Amino acid sequence: MGAGAMGEIKHLVVVKFKEGVVVEDIVKGMEKLVSEVDLVKSFAWGQDSEGPEMLTQGFTHSFSMTFDKKEDYAAFQSHPNHVEYSATFSAAIEKIVVLCFPSVRVKPSA
């Protein structure tokens, strides 16, 4: 890839929540967190509605954050609000997959 081909940093979290967890409370907490921390450029989340069980492997929700650069992501990881919320989030999770990667935009948003 040429210079400038890689862009912002994506932080993708895919989870299966523990039985009995009130997912709406977890989502509200995540929305509050990202609204309080300016390092987060964008945030989106969703719940699986179409994936076959054999492919989803029990994972039900995904959360995606975008950062301008890896230094912003690193600063977010140690931000006091993130550290505090991570304890609540982690306690609610049965299974998790986390990927952090430089985003390569192929087709821009419309």
PDB file of N, CA and C in Angstrom:
ATOM      1  N   MET A   1       0.834  -1.186   0.000  1.00  0.00           N
ATOM      2  CA  MET A   1       0.000   0.000   0.000  1.00  0.00           C
ATOM      3  C   MET A   1       0.871   1.239   0.000  1.00  0.00           C
ATOM      4  N   GLY A   2       0.399   2.238  -0.684  1.00  0.00           N
ATOM      5  CA  GLY A   2       1.147   3.476  -0.734  1.00  0.00           C
ATOM      6  C   GLY A   2       0.946   4.303   0.515  1.00  0.00           C
ATOM      7  N   ALA A   3       1.731   5.340   0.647  1.00  0.00           N
ATOM      8  CA  ALA A   3       1.611   6.232   1.801  1.00  0.00           C
ATOM      9  C   ALA A   3       0.213   6.826   1.854  1.00  0.00           C
ATOM     10  N   GLY A   4      -0.348   6.851   3.021  1.00  0.00           N
ATOM     11  CA  GLY A   4      -1.673   7.429   3.192  1.00  0.00           C
ATOM     12  C   GLY A   4      -2.805   6.457   2.910  1.00  0.00           C
ATOM     13  N   ALA A   5      -2.485   5.224   2.505  1.00  0.00           N
ATOM     14  CA  ALA A   5      -3.530   4.263   2.180  1.00  0.00           C
ATOM     15  C   ALA A   5      -4.271   3.814   3.436  1.00  0.00           C
ATOM     16  N   MET A   6      -3.561   3.765   4.557  1.00  0.00           N
ATOM     17  CA  MET A   6      -4.218   3.357   5.786  1.00  0.00           C
ATOM     18  C   MET A   6      -4.704   4.602   6.511  1.00  0.00           C
ATOM     19  N   GLY A   7      -5.873   4.473   7.094  1.00  0.00           N
ATOM     20  CA  GLY A   7      -6.452   5.642   7.733  1.00  0.00           C
ATOM     21  C   GLY A   7      -6.627   5.466   9.215  1.00  0.00           C
ATOM     22  N   GLU A   8      -7.808   5.777   9.627  1.00  0.00           N
ATOM     23  CA  GLU A   8      -8.138   5.758  11.039  1.00  0.00           C
ATOM     24  C   GLU A   8      -8.048   4.351  11.638  1.00  0.00           C
ATOM     25  N   ILE A   9      -8.099   4.304  12.957  1.00  0.00           N
ATOM     26  CA  ILE A   9      -8.031   3.036  13.687  1.00  0.00           C
ATOM     27  C   ILE A   9      -9.444   2.606  14.069  1.00  0.00           C
ATOM     28  N   LYS A  10      -9.780   1.378  13.762  1.00  0.00           N
ATOM     29  CA  LYS A  10     -11.068   0.792  14.143  1.00  0.00           C
ATOM     30  C   LYS A  10     -10.854  -0.122  15.340  1.00  0.00           C
ATOM     31  N   HIS A  11     -11.778  -0.056  16.284  1.00  0.00           N
ATOM     32  CA  HIS A  11     -11.784  -0.916  17.472  1.00  0.00           C
ATOM     33  C   HIS A  11     -13.119  -1.655  17.416  1.00  0.00           C
ATOM     34  N   LEU A  12     -13.066  -2.943  17.118  1.00  0.00           N
ATOM     35  CA  LEU A  12     -14.262  -3.746  16.935  1.00  0.00           C
ATOM     36  C   LEU A  12     -14.361  -4.769  18.056  1.00  0.00           C
ATOM     37  N   VAL A  13     -15.494  -4.771  18.743  1.00  0.00           N
ATOM     38  CA  VAL A  13     -15.745  -5.687  19.855  1.00  0.00           C
ATOM     39  C   VAL A  13     -16.999  -6.476  19.530  1.00  0.00           C
ATOM     40  N   VAL A  14     -16.893  -7.803  19.570  1.00  0.00           N
ATOM     41  CA  VAL A  14     -18.029  -8.686  19.323  1.00  0.00           C
ATOM     42  C   VAL A  14     -18.225  -9.521  20.586  1.00  0.00           C
ATOM     43  N   VAL A  15     -19.462  -9.548  21.112  1.00  0.00           N
ATOM     44  CA  VAL A  15     -19.685 -10.180  22.405  1.00  0.00           C
ATOM     45  C   VAL A  15     -20.918 -11.074  22.421  1.00  0.00           C
ATOM     46  N   LYS A  16     -20.903 -11.964  23.396  1.00  0.00           N
ATOM     47  CA  LYS A  16     -22.089 -12.687  23.835  1.00  0.00           C
ATOM     48  C   LYS A  16     -22.232 -12.324  25.305  1.00  0.00           C
ATOM     49  N   PHE A  17     -23.358 -11.732  25.656  1.00  0.00           N
ATOM     50  CA  PHE A  17     -23.583 -11.340  27.039  1.00  0.00           C
ATOM     51  C   PHE A  17     -24.017 -12.532  27.877  1.00  0.00           C
ATOM     52  N   LYS A  18     -23.726 -12.446  29.163  1.00  0.00           N
ATOM     53  CA  LYS A  18     -24.161 -13.477  30.103  1.00  0.00           C
ATOM     54  C   LYS A  18     -25.679 -13.478  30.198  1.00  0.00           C
ATOM     55  N   GLU A  19     -26.228 -14.636  30.532  1.00  0.00           N
ATOM     56  CA  GLU A  19     -27.669 -14.769  30.751  1.00  0.00           C
ATOM     57  C   GLU A  19     -28.104 -13.780  31.830  1.00  0.00           C
ATOM     58  N   GLY A  20     -29.224 -13.094  31.598  1.00  0.00           N
ATOM     59  CA  GLY A  20     -29.779 -12.179  32.594  1.00  0.00           C
ATOM     60  C   GLY A  20     -29.249 -10.761  32.536  1.00  0.00           C
ATOM     61  N   VAL A  21     -28.256 -10.496  31.696  1.00  0.00           N
ATOM     62  CA  VAL A  21     -27.715  -9.141  31.580  1.00  0.00           C
ATOM     63  C   VAL A  21     -28.744  -8.251  30.879  1.00  0.00           C
ATOM     64  N   VAL A  22     -28.943  -7.053  31.400  1.00  0.00           N
ATOM     65  CA  VAL A  22     -29.833  -6.084  30.756  1.00  0.00           C
ATOM     66  C   VAL A  22     -28.994  -5.322  29.724  1.00  0.00           C
ATOM     67  N   VAL A  23     -29.084  -5.794  28.489  1.00  0.00           N
ATOM     68  CA  VAL A  23     -28.230  -5.265  27.420  1.00  0.00           C
ATOM     69  C   VAL A  23     -28.451  -3.771  27.224  1.00  0.00           C
ATOM     70  N   GLU A  24     -29.685  -3.312  27.371  1.00  0.00           N
ATOM     71  CA  GLU A  24     -29.968  -1.885  27.191  1.00  0.00           C
ATOM     72  C   GLU A  24     -29.147  -1.027  28.148  1.00  0.00           C
ATOM     73  N   ASP A  25     -28.945  -1.515  29.375  1.00  0.00           N
ATOM     74  CA  ASP A  25     -28.127  -0.773  30.342  1.00  0.00           C
ATOM     75  C   ASP A  25     -26.667  -0.720  29.905  1.00  0.00           C
ATOM     76  N   ILE A  26     -26.185  -1.824  29.363  1.00  0.00           N
ATOM     77  CA  ILE A  26     -24.798  -1.876  28.890  1.00  0.00           C
ATOM     78  C   ILE A  26     -24.615  -0.909  27.720  1.00  0.00           C
ATOM     79  N   VAL A  27     -25.566  -0.914  26.801  1.00  0.00           N
ATOM     80  CA  VAL A  27     -25.482  -0.029  25.637  1.00  0.00           C
ATOM     81  C   VAL A  27     -25.547   1.435  26.069  1.00  0.00           C
ATOM     82  N   LYS A  28     -26.440   1.755  26.995  1.00  0.00           N
ATOM     83  CA  LYS A  28     -26.529   3.139  27.493  1.00  0.00           C
ATOM     84  C   LYS A  28     -25.205   3.565  28.128  1.00  0.00           C
ATOM     85  N   GLY A  29     -24.587   2.663  28.878  1.00  0.00           N
ATOM     86  CA  GLY A  29     -23.297   2.965  29.483  1.00  0.00           C
ATOM     87  C   GLY A  29     -22.221   3.211  28.444  1.00  0.00           C
ATOM     88  N   MET A  30     -22.239   2.406  27.373  1.00  0.00           N
ATOM     89  CA  MET A  30     -21.268   2.583  26.289  1.00  0.00           C
ATOM     90  C   MET A  30     -21.506   3.912  25.573  1.00  0.00           C
ATOM     91  N   GLU A  31     -22.759   4.230  25.314  1.00  0.00           N
ATOM     92  CA  GLU A  31     -23.079   5.503  24.653  1.00  0.00           C
ATOM     93  C   GLU A  31     -22.636   6.691  25.513  1.00  0.00           C
ATOM     94  N   LYS A  32     -22.830   6.586  26.822  1.00  0.00           N
ATOM     95  CA  LYS A  32     -22.390   7.641  27.740  1.00  0.00           C
ATOM     96  C   LYS A  32     -20.869   7.778  27.695  1.00  0.00           C
ATOM     97  N   LEU A  33     -20.177   6.645  27.729  1.00  0.00           N
ATOM     98  CA  LEU A  33     -18.714   6.654  27.683  1.00  0.00           C
ATOM     99  C   LEU A  33     -18.201   7.368  26.441  1.00  0.00           C
ATOM    100  N   VAL A  34     -18.678   6.971  25.273  1.00  0.00           N
ATOM    101  CA  VAL A  34     -18.137   7.559  24.038  1.00  0.00           C
ATOM    102  C   VAL A  34     -18.531   9.025  23.887  1.00  0.00           C
ATOM    103  N   SER A  35     -19.653   9.427  24.500  1.00  0.00           N
ATOM    104  CA  SER A  35     -20.034  10.845  24.427  1.00  0.00           C
ATOM    105  C   SER A  35     -19.147  11.705  25.326  1.00  0.00           C
ATOM    106  N   GLU A  36     -18.557  11.100  26.347  1.00  0.00           N
ATOM    107  CA  GLU A  36     -17.714  11.832  27.297  1.00  0.00           C
ATOM    108  C   GLU A  36     -16.238  11.881  26.888  1.00  0.00           C
ATOM    109  N   VAL A  37     -15.838  11.031  25.954  1.00  0.00           N
ATOM    110  CA  VAL A  37     -14.424  10.942  25.582  1.00  0.00           C
ATOM    111  C   VAL A  37     -14.265  11.396  24.128  1.00  0.00           C
ATOM    112  N   ASP A  38     -13.682  12.583  23.958  1.00  0.00           N
ATOM    113  CA  ASP A  38     -13.550  13.171  22.624  1.00  0.00           C
ATOM    114  C   ASP A  38     -12.609  12.412  21.691  1.00  0.00           C
ATOM    115  N   LEU A  39     -11.792  11.527  22.243  1.00  0.00           N
ATOM    116  CA  LEU A  39     -10.873  10.750  21.404  1.00  0.00           C
ATOM    117  C   LEU A  39     -11.624   9.824  20.448  1.00  0.00           C
ATOM    118  N   VAL A  40     -12.848   9.449  20.799  1.00  0.00           N
ATOM    119  CA  VAL A  40     -13.664   8.563  19.964  1.00  0.00           C
ATOM    120  C   VAL A  40     -14.284   9.399  18.854  1.00  0.00           C
ATOM    121  N   LYS A  41     -13.877   9.093  17.617  1.00  0.00           N
ATOM    122  CA  LYS A  41     -14.353   9.856  16.456  1.00  0.00           C
ATOM    123  C   LYS A  41     -15.774   9.455  16.081  1.00  0.00           C
ATOM    124  N   SER A  42     -16.051   8.141  16.145  1.00  0.00           N
ATOM    125  CA  SER A  42     -17.400   7.657  15.865  1.00  0.00           C
ATOM    126  C   SER A  42     -17.639   6.362  16.625  1.00  0.00           C
ATOM    127  N   PHE A  43     -18.919   6.044  16.811  1.00  0.00           N
ATOM    128  CA  PHE A  43     -19.317   4.850  17.540  1.00  0.00           C
ATOM    129  C   PHE A  43     -20.588   4.297  16.916  1.00  0.00           C
ATOM    130  N   ALA A  44     -20.624   2.993  16.752  1.00  0.00           N
ATOM    131  CA  ALA A  44     -21.829   2.318  16.251  1.00  0.00           C
ATOM    132  C   ALA A  44     -21.935   0.970  16.940  1.00  0.00           C
ATOM    133  N   TRP A  45     -23.153   0.494  17.079  1.00  0.00           N
ATOM    134  CA  TRP A  45     -23.346  -0.827  17.670  1.00  0.00           C
ATOM    135  C   TRP A  45     -24.527  -1.485  16.972  1.00  0.00           C
ATOM    136  N   GLY A  46     -24.616  -2.797  17.114  1.00  0.00           N
ATOM    137  CA  GLY A  46     -25.736  -3.517  16.527  1.00  0.00           C
ATOM    138  C   GLY A  46     -25.897  -4.884  17.156  1.00  0.00           C
ATOM    139  N   GLN A  47     -27.080  -5.432  16.954  1.00  0.00           N
ATOM    140  CA  GLN A  47     -27.403  -6.767  17.445  1.00  0.00           C
ATOM    141  C   GLN A  47     -27.658  -7.665  16.251  1.00  0.00           C
ATOM    142  N   ASP A  48     -27.073  -8.851  16.276  1.00  0.00           N
ATOM    143  CA  ASP A  48     -27.252  -9.791  15.180  1.00  0.00           C
ATOM    144  C   ASP A  48     -28.720 -10.139  15.021  1.00  0.00           C
ATOM    145  N   SER A  49     -29.173 -10.163  13.780  1.00  0.00           N
ATOM    146  CA  SER A  49     -30.563 -10.528  13.520  1.00  0.00           C
ATOM    147  C   SER A  49     -30.695 -11.547  12.396  1.00  0.00           C
ATOM    148  N   GLU A  50     -29.622 -11.785  11.669  1.00  0.00           N
ATOM    149  CA  GLU A  50     -29.711 -12.635  10.485  1.00  0.00           C
ATOM    150  C   GLU A  50     -28.722 -13.790  10.449  1.00  0.00           C
ATOM    151  N   GLY A  51     -27.685 -13.748  11.279  1.00  0.00           N
ATOM    152  CA  GLY A  51     -26.620 -14.735  11.164  1.00  0.00           C
ATOM    153  C   GLY A  51     -27.027 -16.126  11.631  1.00  0.00           C
ATOM    154  N   PRO A  52     -26.678 -17.147  10.845  1.00  0.00           N
ATOM    155  CA  PRO A  52     -26.934 -18.521  11.276  1.00  0.00           C
ATOM    156  C   PRO A  52     -26.074 -18.859  12.500  1.00  0.00           C
ATOM    157  N   GLU A  53     -26.640 -19.584  13.462  1.00  0.00           N
ATOM    158  CA  GLU A  53     -25.961 -19.913  14.717  1.00  0.00           C
ATOM    159  C   GLU A  53     -24.570 -20.497  14.487  1.00  0.00           C
ATOM    160  N   MET A  54     -24.427 -21.353  13.480  1.00  0.00           N
ATOM    161  CA  MET A  54     -23.111 -21.970  13.260  1.00  0.00           C
ATOM    162  C   MET A  54     -22.054 -20.942  12.858  1.00  0.00           C
ATOM    163  N   LEU A  55     -22.483 -19.822  12.325  1.00  0.00           N
ATOM    164  CA  LEU A  55     -21.534 -18.775  11.950  1.00  0.00           C
ATOM    165  C   LEU A  55     -21.361 -17.733  13.044  1.00  0.00           C
ATOM    166  N   THR A  56     -22.411 -17.426  13.781  1.00  0.00           N
ATOM    167  CA  THR A  56     -22.298 -16.414  14.840  1.00  0.00           C
ATOM    168  C   THR A  56     -21.630 -16.972  16.083  1.00  0.00           C
ATOM    169  N   GLN A  57     -21.644 -18.295  16.249  1.00  0.00           N
ATOM    170  CA  GLN A  57     -21.016 -18.968  17.390  1.00  0.00           C
ATOM    171  C   GLN A  57     -21.510 -18.412  18.726  1.00  0.00           C
ATOM    172  N   GLY A  58     -22.761 -17.961  18.755  1.00  0.00           N
ATOM    173  CA  GLY A  58     -23.344 -17.455  19.988  1.00  0.00           C
ATOM    174  C   GLY A  58     -23.134 -15.970  20.234  1.00  0.00           C
ATOM    175  N   PHE A  59     -22.294 -15.319  19.446  1.00  0.00           N
ATOM    176  CA  PHE A  59     -22.088 -13.880  19.600  1.00  0.00           C
ATOM    177  C   PHE A  59     -23.345 -13.150  19.139  1.00  0.00           C
ATOM    178  N   THR A  60     -23.727 -12.121  19.877  1.00  0.00           N
ATOM    179  CA  THR A  60     -24.991 -11.448  19.596  1.00  0.00           C
ATOM    180  C   THR A  60     -24.875  -9.961  19.285  1.00  0.00           C
ATOM    181  N   HIS A  61     -23.845  -9.288  19.784  1.00  0.00           N
ATOM    182  CA  HIS A  61     -23.736  -7.841  19.646  1.00  0.00           C
ATOM    183  C   HIS A  61     -22.342  -7.438  19.186  1.00  0.00           C
ATOM    184  N   SER A  62     -22.296  -6.343  18.433  1.00  0.00           N
ATOM    185  CA  SER A  62     -21.000  -5.786  18.058  1.00  0.00           C
ATOM    186  C   SER A  62     -20.986  -4.290  18.359  1.00  0.00           C
ATOM    187  N   PHE A  63     -19.802  -3.819  18.689  1.00  0.00           N
ATOM    188  CA  PHE A  63     -19.572  -2.415  18.998  1.00  0.00           C
ATOM    189  C   PHE A  63     -18.352  -1.978  18.207  1.00  0.00           C
ATOM    190  N   SER A  64     -18.453  -0.846  17.531  1.00  0.00           N
ATOM    191  CA  SER A  64     -17.355  -0.364  16.703  1.00  0.00           C
ATOM    192  C   SER A  64     -17.056   1.095  17.032  1.00  0.00           C
ATOM    193  N   MET A  65     -15.795   1.356  17.303  1.00  0.00           N
ATOM    194  CA  MET A  65     -15.343   2.722  17.548  1.00  0.00           C
ATOM    195  C   MET A  65     -14.270   3.062  16.531  1.00  0.00           C
ATOM    196  N   THR A  66     -14.228   4.331  16.174  1.00  0.00           N
ATOM    197  CA  THR A  66     -13.225   4.818  15.239  1.00  0.00           C
ATOM    198  C   THR A  66     -12.404   5.897  15.926  1.00  0.00           C
ATOM    199  N   PHE A  67     -11.094   5.814  15.718  1.00  0.00           N
ATOM    200  CA  PHE A  67     -10.151   6.804  16.256  1.00  0.00           C
ATOM    201  C   PHE A  67      -9.340   7.366  15.098  1.00  0.00           C
ATOM    202  N   ASP A  68      -8.926   8.633  15.210  1.00  0.00           N
ATOM    203  CA  ASP A  68      -8.135   9.253  14.140  1.00  0.00           C
ATOM    204  C   ASP A  68      -6.777   8.588  13.953  1.00  0.00           C
ATOM    205  N   LYS A  69      -6.168   8.155  15.062  1.00  0.00           N
ATOM    206  CA  LYS A  69      -4.833   7.565  14.981  1.00  0.00           C
ATOM    207  C   LYS A  69      -4.620   6.622  16.147  1.00  0.00           C
ATOM    208  N   LYS A  70      -3.582   5.778  16.054  1.00  0.00           N
ATOM    209  CA  LYS A  70      -3.351   4.765  17.085  1.00  0.00           C
ATOM    210  C   LYS A  70      -3.050   5.386  18.442  1.00  0.00           C
ATOM    211  N   GLU A  71      -2.463   6.577  18.458  1.00  0.00           N
ATOM    212  CA  GLU A  71      -2.189   7.249  19.729  1.00  0.00           C
ATOM    213  C   GLU A  71      -3.488   7.613  20.450  1.00  0.00           C
ATOM    214  N   ASP A  72      -4.516   7.976  19.687  1.00  0.00           N
ATOM    215  CA  ASP A  72      -5.821   8.283  20.290  1.00  0.00           C
ATOM    216  C   ASP A  72      -6.435   7.018  20.886  1.00  0.00           C
ATOM    217  N   TYR A  73      -6.292   5.901  20.182  1.00  0.00           N
ATOM    218  CA  TYR A  73      -6.806   4.633  20.709  1.00  0.00           C
ATOM    219  C   TYR A  73      -6.073   4.257  22.000  1.00  0.00           C
ATOM    220  N   ALA A  74      -4.763   4.409  22.000  1.00  0.00           N
ATOM    221  CA  ALA A  74      -3.967   4.096  23.190  1.00  0.00           C
ATOM    222  C   ALA A  74      -4.383   4.990  24.364  1.00  0.00           C
ATOM    223  N   ALA A  75      -4.605   6.259  24.101  1.00  0.00           N
ATOM    224  CA  ALA A  75      -5.029   7.187  25.155  1.00  0.00           C
ATOM    225  C   ALA A  75      -6.424   6.820  25.666  1.00  0.00           C
ATOM    226  N   PHE A  76      -7.295   6.363  24.784  1.00  0.00           N
ATOM    227  CA  PHE A  76      -8.635   5.935  25.183  1.00  0.00           C
ATOM    228  C   PHE A  76      -8.554   4.734  26.124  1.00  0.00           C
ATOM    229  N   GLN A  77      -7.678   3.796  25.811  1.00  0.00           N
ATOM    230  CA  GLN A  77      -7.543   2.588  26.629  1.00  0.00           C
ATOM    231  C   GLN A  77      -7.212   2.920  28.084  1.00  0.00           C
ATOM    232  N   SER A  78      -6.426   3.963  28.299  1.00  0.00           N
ATOM    233  CA  SER A  78      -6.035   4.321  29.664  1.00  0.00           C
ATOM    234  C   SER A  78      -6.862   5.467  30.250  1.00  0.00           C
ATOM    235  N   HIS A  79      -7.826   5.976  29.494  1.00  0.00           N
ATOM    236  CA  HIS A  79      -8.684   7.062  29.982  1.00  0.00           C
ATOM    237  C   HIS A  79      -9.465   6.568  31.207  1.00  0.00           C
ATOM    238  N   PRO A  80      -9.536   7.355  32.269  1.00  0.00           N
ATOM    239  CA  PRO A  80     -10.222   6.911  33.502  1.00  0.00           C
ATOM    240  C   PRO A  80     -11.670   6.463  33.278  1.00  0.00           C
ATOM    241  N   ASN A  81     -12.403   7.133  32.398  1.00  0.00           N
ATOM    242  CA  ASN A  81     -13.794   6.739  32.117  1.00  0.00           C
ATOM    243  C   ASN A  81     -13.849   5.353  31.478  1.00  0.00           C
ATOM    244  N   HIS A  82     -12.906   5.069  30.571  1.00  0.00           N
ATOM    245  CA  HIS A  82     -12.866   3.756  29.919  1.00  0.00           C
ATOM    246  C   HIS A  82     -12.481   2.679  30.923  1.00  0.00           C
ATOM    247  N   VAL A  83     -11.488   2.961  31.743  1.00  0.00           N
ATOM    248  CA  VAL A  83     -11.037   1.988  32.744  1.00  0.00           C
ATOM    249  C   VAL A  83     -12.197   1.645  33.679  1.00  0.00           C
ATOM    250  N   GLU A  84     -12.922   2.666  34.120  1.00  0.00           N
ATOM    251  CA  GLU A  84     -14.049   2.451  35.029  1.00  0.00           C
ATOM    252  C   GLU A  84     -15.155   1.641  34.345  1.00  0.00           C
ATOM    253  N   TYR A  85     -15.523   2.014  33.115  1.00  0.00           N
ATOM    254  CA  TYR A  85     -16.618   1.321  32.427  1.00  0.00           C
ATOM    255  C   TYR A  85     -16.229  -0.106  32.036  1.00  0.00           C
ATOM    256  N   SER A  86     -14.968  -0.339  31.761  1.00  0.00           N
ATOM    257  CA  SER A  86     -14.516  -1.676  31.354  1.00  0.00           C
ATOM    258  C   SER A  86     -14.844  -2.739  32.392  1.00  0.00           C
ATOM    259  N   ALA A  87     -14.806  -2.390  33.662  1.00  0.00           N
ATOM    260  CA  ALA A  87     -15.132  -3.355  34.725  1.00  0.00           C
ATOM    261  C   ALA A  87     -16.589  -3.789  34.615  1.00  0.00           C
ATOM    262  N   THR A  88     -17.483  -2.833  34.396  1.00  0.00           N
ATOM    263  CA  THR A  88     -18.913  -3.143  34.230  1.00  0.00           C
ATOM    264  C   THR A  88     -19.140  -3.968  32.978  1.00  0.00           C
ATOM    265  N   PHE A  89     -18.527  -3.544  31.882  1.00  0.00           N
ATOM    266  CA  PHE A  89     -18.697  -4.231  30.597  1.00  0.00           C
ATOM    267  C   PHE A  89     -18.163  -5.660  30.684  1.00  0.00           C
ATOM    268  N   SER A  90     -16.975  -5.825  31.226  1.00  0.00           N
ATOM    269  CA  SER A  90     -16.350  -7.150  31.326  1.00  0.00           C
ATOM    270  C   SER A  90     -17.168  -8.107  32.176  1.00  0.00           C
ATOM    271  N   ALA A  91     -17.778  -7.597  33.236  1.00  0.00           N
ATOM    272  CA  ALA A  91     -18.575  -8.447  34.125  1.00  0.00           C
ATOM    273  C   ALA A  91     -19.829  -8.976  33.442  1.00  0.00           C
ATOM    274  N   ALA A  92     -20.272  -8.313  32.367  1.00  0.00           N
ATOM    275  CA  ALA A  92     -21.500  -8.694  31.673  1.00  0.00           C
ATOM    276  C   ALA A  92     -21.264  -9.676  30.527  1.00  0.00           C
ATOM    277  N   ILE A  93     -20.012  -9.970  30.225  1.00  0.00           N
ATOM    278  CA  ILE A  93     -19.666 -10.716  29.018  1.00  0.00           C
ATOM    279  C   ILE A  93     -19.372 -12.189  29.294  1.00  0.00           C
ATOM    280  N   GLU A  94     -19.973 -13.023  28.460  1.00  0.00           N
ATOM    281  CA  GLU A  94     -19.657 -14.450  28.500  1.00  0.00           C
ATOM    282  C   GLU A  94     -18.513 -14.777  27.543  1.00  0.00           C
ATOM    283  N   LYS A  95     -18.590 -14.206  26.322  1.00  0.00           N
ATOM    284  CA  LYS A  95     -17.533 -14.414  25.313  1.00  0.00           C
ATOM    285  C   LYS A  95     -17.278 -13.088  24.611  1.00  0.00           C
ATOM    286  N   ILE A  96     -16.018 -12.907  24.184  1.00  0.00           N
ATOM    287  CA  ILE A  96     -15.661 -11.648  23.509  1.00  0.00           C
ATOM    288  C   ILE A  96     -14.562 -11.885  22.481  1.00  0.00           C
ATOM    289  N   VAL A  97     -14.630 -11.120  21.403  1.00  0.00           N
ATOM    290  CA  VAL A  97     -13.559 -11.031  20.416  1.00  0.00           C
ATOM    291  C   VAL A  97     -13.303  -9.545  20.208  1.00  0.00           C
ATOM    292  N   VAL A  98     -12.032  -9.143  20.245  1.00  0.00           N
ATOM    293  CA  VAL A  98     -11.668  -7.740  20.050  1.00  0.00           C
ATOM    294  C   VAL A  98     -10.629  -7.659  18.938  1.00  0.00           C
ATOM    295  N   LEU A  99     -10.886  -6.778  17.990  1.00  0.00           N
ATOM    296  CA  LEU A  99      -9.933  -6.506  16.918  1.00  0.00           C
ATOM    297  C   LEU A  99      -9.690  -5.008  16.850  1.00  0.00           C
ATOM    298  N   CYS A 100      -8.441  -4.614  16.720  1.00  0.00           N
ATOM    299  CA  CYS A 100      -8.065  -3.216  16.527  1.00  0.00           C
ATOM    300  C   CYS A 100      -7.174  -3.172  15.298  1.00  0.00           C
ATOM    301  N   PHE A 101      -7.553  -2.332  14.340  1.00  0.00           N
ATOM    302  CA  PHE A 101      -6.832  -2.367  13.070  1.00  0.00           C
ATOM    303  C   PHE A 101      -6.902  -1.025  12.367  1.00  0.00           C
ATOM    304  N   PRO A 102      -5.861  -0.729  11.557  1.00  0.00           N
ATOM    305  CA  PRO A 102      -5.928   0.471  10.725  1.00  0.00           C
ATOM    306  C   PRO A 102      -6.941   0.210   9.614  1.00  0.00           C
ATOM    307  N   SER A 103      -7.844   1.141   9.455  1.00  0.00           N
ATOM    308  CA  SER A 103      -8.903   0.990   8.473  1.00  0.00           C
ATOM    309  C   SER A 103      -8.402   1.359   7.084  1.00  0.00           C
ATOM    310  N   VAL A 104      -8.736   0.526   6.115  1.00  0.00           N
ATOM    311  CA  VAL A 104      -8.419   0.796   4.712  1.00  0.00           C
ATOM    312  C   VAL A 104      -9.746   1.025   4.006  1.00  0.00           C
ATOM    313  N   ARG A 105     -10.038   2.259   3.688  1.00  0.00           N
ATOM    314  CA  ARG A 105     -11.308   2.594   3.058  1.00  0.00           C
ATOM    315  C   ARG A 105     -11.223   2.317   1.571  1.00  0.00           C
ATOM    316  N   VAL A 106     -12.123   1.466   1.093  1.00  0.00           N
ATOM    317  CA  VAL A 106     -12.167   1.112  -0.321  1.00  0.00           C
ATOM    318  C   VAL A 106     -13.276   1.886  -1.029  1.00  0.00           C
ATOM    319  N   LYS A 107     -14.408   2.009  -0.340  1.00  0.00           N
ATOM    320  CA  LYS A 107     -15.542   2.731  -0.898  1.00  0.00           C
ATOM    321  C   LYS A 107     -16.024   3.728   0.147  1.00  0.00           C
ATOM    322  N   PRO A 108     -15.901   5.013  -0.122  1.00  0.00           N
ATOM    323  CA  PRO A 108     -16.307   6.019   0.852  1.00  0.00           C
ATOM    324  C   PRO A 108     -17.810   5.980   1.109  1.00  0.00           C
ATOM    325  N   SER A 109     -18.215   6.486   2.275  1.00  0.00           N
ATOM    326  CA  SER A 109     -19.621   6.597   2.607  1.00  0.00           C
ATOM    327  C   SER A 109     -20.302   7.525   1.607  1.00  0.00           C
ATOM    328  N   ALA A 110     -21.558   7.246   1.339  1.00  0.00           N
ATOM    329  CA  ALA A 110     -22.303   8.076   0.377  1.00  0.00           C
ATOM    330  C   ALA A 110     -22.581   9.447   0.943  1.00  0.00           C
TER     331      ALA A 110
END
